[in-house]
Amino acid sequence: MNAPFDSLVPDARLFLSELKQNNNRDWFLAHKTDYDARLKAPALALLDTLSAFLEKQTGTTPQTKLFRPNRDIRFSKDKTPYHTHLHMLWNTPPVGWFLGIAPDYVSIGAGVMGFDKGTLSNWRNAVDGPKGIEISSLLDTLSRKGARFSEPELKRVPPPFDKAHAHGDLLRHKSLTVWFDLSEADVKKGGLTQQIEAAFSEMLPLGKMLQSLL
């Protein structure tokens, strides 16, 4: 099950490292066949493979997305046309499940990239109530297992909540994502599908909690 994807990380890293040194349209088009065969095709297959796993675990059929290599440079000072990472998404609204591969990282994540007005209100009410303890406990458990979390977007606890609120750090969030970063030893060991499934399984209680709250 894992073997078809064991070369995806080294192949992607090699291609993306070369792209970083030659980030222009001519180079990319000259190597697009390599991109399609060694990055895009296995990434799409991986999306399909993990969809079955997530559907079984969450009861929701994920909407999948392989992010395009092209950057939106319309409002950016950086005019390099291509991303030097490969990002994938399995979406079980409102929770997303993520995989990112770059020359310097392989990260597996889950969560909500941004709370809209309704979900932000639901999040704050949950954190302010009895569920706040449960959410904090889930995050503490993940932290002990090596996970990292997105930083809170707000510098202060928003009104009308007490500045000294027990879960003030959670109230300062306008999104929440959790990430496991694969070490170089993990990458060399192979078994990418198995590693993603293991990480998703660790994050599943938080994902289900967010799904029920938001």
Foldseek 3Di string as FASTA:
>chain_A
DFVVCLCQQVLLAVVLVVCVVVLDDVVCVVCVVSCCPRHVVVVVVLQVVVQVVVCVLPVARWDKDWDDQADDCPPPPDPRGGDSKTKMWTPDPPKIWIWIHHNVWTKTKMWHPFADPVLLVLQLVCCQDPNVVVLVVLVVVVVVVPKDKDFQPAPAQDPPDDRVDPNSRSSSHRIIMIMDIDDPVNSVVGRVSVVNSVVCVSCSVVNVVSVVRD
